[in-house]
Amino acid sequence: MAPVGPKNNQVAPADDLYTTLLIISAAVLLIGIVFLAVRSVQIFESLWPAGGG
C-alpha cells in the first residue's frame, strides 16, 4: 500500500490552467485600455473628450 501522509505541495493542473487564463485575460484587458487611451488622444487630442456638447 502507498504510505499515508501529507501530499507534496504541487498545484493541480486545472489550477495552473486557470492561472494562465487569468494572466492572459489581464494582459488583454491592459492592451485594450492602452489602445483606447491612444485612440482617444488621436481623435480628441486629449485623454478625455471635451465636455459641454
N, C-alpha and C. Protein backbone atom coordinates (compact mmCIF):
# COMPACT_ATOMS: atom_id res chain seq x y z
N MET A 1 0.84 -1.19 0.00
CA MET A 1 0.00 0.00 0.00
C MET A 1 0.88 1.25 0.00
N ALA A 2 0.30 2.31 -0.52
CA ALA A 2 1.02 3.58 -0.54
C ALA A 2 1.03 4.17 0.86
N PRO A 3 2.10 4.84 1.20
CA PRO A 3 2.17 5.44 2.52
C PRO A 3 1.15 6.58 2.66
N VAL A 4 0.58 6.69 3.83
CA VAL A 4 -0.38 7.75 4.11
C VAL A 4 0.36 8.89 4.77
N GLY A 5 0.20 10.06 4.25
CA GLY A 5 0.89 11.23 4.80
C GLY A 5 0.55 12.46 3.99
N PRO A 6 1.17 13.56 4.35
CA PRO A 6 0.88 14.80 3.62
C PRO A 6 1.36 14.72 2.18
N LYS A 7 0.55 15.26 1.30
CA LYS A 7 0.91 15.29 -0.11
C LYS A 7 1.91 16.41 -0.35
N ASN A 8 2.65 16.28 -1.44
CA ASN A 8 3.55 17.38 -1.78
C ASN A 8 2.71 18.58 -2.24
N ASN A 9 3.29 19.74 -2.24
CA ASN A 9 2.55 20.98 -2.49
C ASN A 9 2.55 21.38 -3.96
N GLN A 10 2.27 20.44 -4.84
CA GLN A 10 2.18 20.77 -6.25
C GLN A 10 0.79 21.30 -6.57
N VAL A 11 0.76 22.23 -7.52
CA VAL A 11 -0.51 22.81 -7.94
C VAL A 11 -1.20 21.85 -8.90
N ALA A 12 -2.49 21.72 -8.74
CA ALA A 12 -3.26 20.85 -9.63
C ALA A 12 -3.23 21.42 -11.05
N PRO A 13 -3.25 20.59 -12.07
CA PRO A 13 -3.21 21.09 -13.46
C PRO A 13 -4.34 22.05 -13.79
N ALA A 14 -5.52 21.82 -13.25
CA ALA A 14 -6.65 22.73 -13.53
C ALA A 14 -6.37 24.11 -12.96
N ASP A 15 -5.80 24.19 -11.77
CA ASP A 15 -5.47 25.48 -11.17
C ASP A 15 -4.42 26.20 -12.01
N ASP A 16 -3.46 25.45 -12.53
CA ASP A 16 -2.42 26.04 -13.37
C ASP A 16 -3.04 26.61 -14.65
N LEU A 17 -4.01 25.92 -15.21
CA LEU A 17 -4.71 26.40 -16.41
C LEU A 17 -5.45 27.69 -16.10
N TYR A 18 -6.15 27.74 -14.97
CA TYR A 18 -6.90 28.93 -14.61
C TYR A 18 -5.97 30.10 -14.35
N THR A 19 -4.82 29.85 -13.76
CA THR A 19 -3.84 30.92 -13.54
C THR A 19 -3.35 31.47 -14.87
N THR A 20 -3.08 30.60 -15.82
CA THR A 20 -2.64 31.03 -17.15
C THR A 20 -3.73 31.85 -17.83
N LEU A 21 -4.97 31.40 -17.76
CA LEU A 21 -6.07 32.16 -18.37
C LEU A 21 -6.26 33.51 -17.69
N LEU A 22 -6.06 33.57 -16.39
CA LEU A 22 -6.18 34.84 -15.66
C LEU A 22 -5.10 35.82 -16.11
N ILE A 23 -3.88 35.34 -16.28
CA ILE A 23 -2.79 36.19 -16.74
C ILE A 23 -3.05 36.69 -18.15
N ILE A 24 -3.53 35.80 -19.02
CA ILE A 24 -3.82 36.19 -20.40
C ILE A 24 -4.94 37.22 -20.44
N SER A 25 -5.99 37.01 -19.66
CA SER A 25 -7.11 37.95 -19.68
C SER A 25 -6.70 39.31 -19.12
N ALA A 26 -5.85 39.33 -18.10
CA ALA A 26 -5.35 40.60 -17.57
C ALA A 26 -4.50 41.33 -18.60
N ALA A 27 -3.69 40.59 -19.35
CA ALA A 27 -2.86 41.21 -20.39
C ALA A 27 -3.72 41.78 -21.51
N VAL A 28 -4.75 41.05 -21.93
CA VAL A 28 -5.65 41.54 -22.98
C VAL A 28 -6.40 42.78 -22.51
N LEU A 29 -6.82 42.80 -21.26
CA LEU A 29 -7.50 43.97 -20.71
C LEU A 29 -6.58 45.18 -20.70
N LEU A 30 -5.33 44.98 -20.30
CA LEU A 30 -4.37 46.08 -20.27
C LEU A 30 -4.10 46.61 -21.68
N ILE A 31 -3.96 45.71 -22.64
CA ILE A 31 -3.75 46.12 -24.03
C ILE A 31 -4.96 46.92 -24.53
N GLY A 32 -6.16 46.49 -24.17
CA GLY A 32 -7.37 47.21 -24.57
C GLY A 32 -7.43 48.60 -23.97
N ILE A 33 -7.05 48.75 -22.72
CA ILE A 33 -7.06 50.06 -22.07
C ILE A 33 -6.06 50.99 -22.74
N VAL A 34 -4.87 50.48 -23.03
CA VAL A 34 -3.86 51.28 -23.71
C VAL A 34 -4.34 51.67 -25.11
N PHE A 35 -4.95 50.74 -25.83
CA PHE A 35 -5.48 51.03 -27.17
C PHE A 35 -6.52 52.14 -27.11
N LEU A 36 -7.45 52.06 -26.17
CA LEU A 36 -8.49 53.09 -26.06
C LEU A 36 -7.89 54.44 -25.69
N ALA A 37 -6.88 54.45 -24.83
CA ALA A 37 -6.24 55.71 -24.47
C ALA A 37 -5.54 56.33 -25.67
N VAL A 38 -4.85 55.53 -26.46
CA VAL A 38 -4.16 56.04 -27.65
C VAL A 38 -5.16 56.56 -28.66
N ARG A 39 -6.23 55.82 -28.90
CA ARG A 39 -7.25 56.27 -29.87
C ARG A 39 -7.94 57.55 -29.38
N SER A 40 -8.17 57.66 -28.09
CA SER A 40 -8.80 58.87 -27.55
C SER A 40 -7.91 60.08 -27.77
N VAL A 41 -6.61 59.92 -27.57
CA VAL A 41 -5.68 61.03 -27.81
C VAL A 41 -5.63 61.36 -29.30
N GLN A 42 -5.68 60.36 -30.16
CA GLN A 42 -5.65 60.61 -31.60
C GLN A 42 -6.90 61.34 -32.07
N ILE A 43 -8.05 60.98 -31.55
CA ILE A 43 -9.31 61.55 -32.02
C ILE A 43 -9.62 62.89 -31.33
N PHE A 44 -9.51 62.93 -30.00
CA PHE A 44 -9.92 64.11 -29.24
C PHE A 44 -8.75 65.01 -28.84
N GLU A 45 -7.53 64.60 -29.11
CA GLU A 45 -6.32 65.31 -28.73
C GLU A 45 -6.20 65.48 -27.22
N SER A 46 -6.85 64.63 -26.49
CA SER A 46 -6.67 64.53 -25.04
C SER A 46 -7.21 63.18 -24.61
N LEU A 47 -6.95 62.84 -23.38
CA LEU A 47 -7.41 61.53 -22.91
C LEU A 47 -8.93 61.51 -22.76
N TRP A 48 -9.51 62.65 -22.38
CA TRP A 48 -10.96 62.75 -22.20
C TRP A 48 -11.53 63.70 -23.24
N PRO A 49 -12.68 63.39 -23.83
CA PRO A 49 -13.29 64.31 -24.79
C PRO A 49 -13.77 65.58 -24.09
N ALA A 50 -13.83 66.67 -24.85
CA ALA A 50 -14.28 67.94 -24.28
C ALA A 50 -15.75 67.84 -23.91
N GLY A 51 -16.09 68.38 -22.78
CA GLY A 51 -17.48 68.35 -22.33
C GLY A 51 -18.26 69.55 -22.85
N GLY A 52 -19.53 69.57 -22.56
CA GLY A 52 -20.36 70.71 -22.88
C GLY A 52 -21.04 70.65 -24.24
N GLY A 53 -20.97 69.50 -24.90
CA GLY A 53 -21.70 69.32 -26.15
C GLY A 53 -21.18 70.15 -27.25
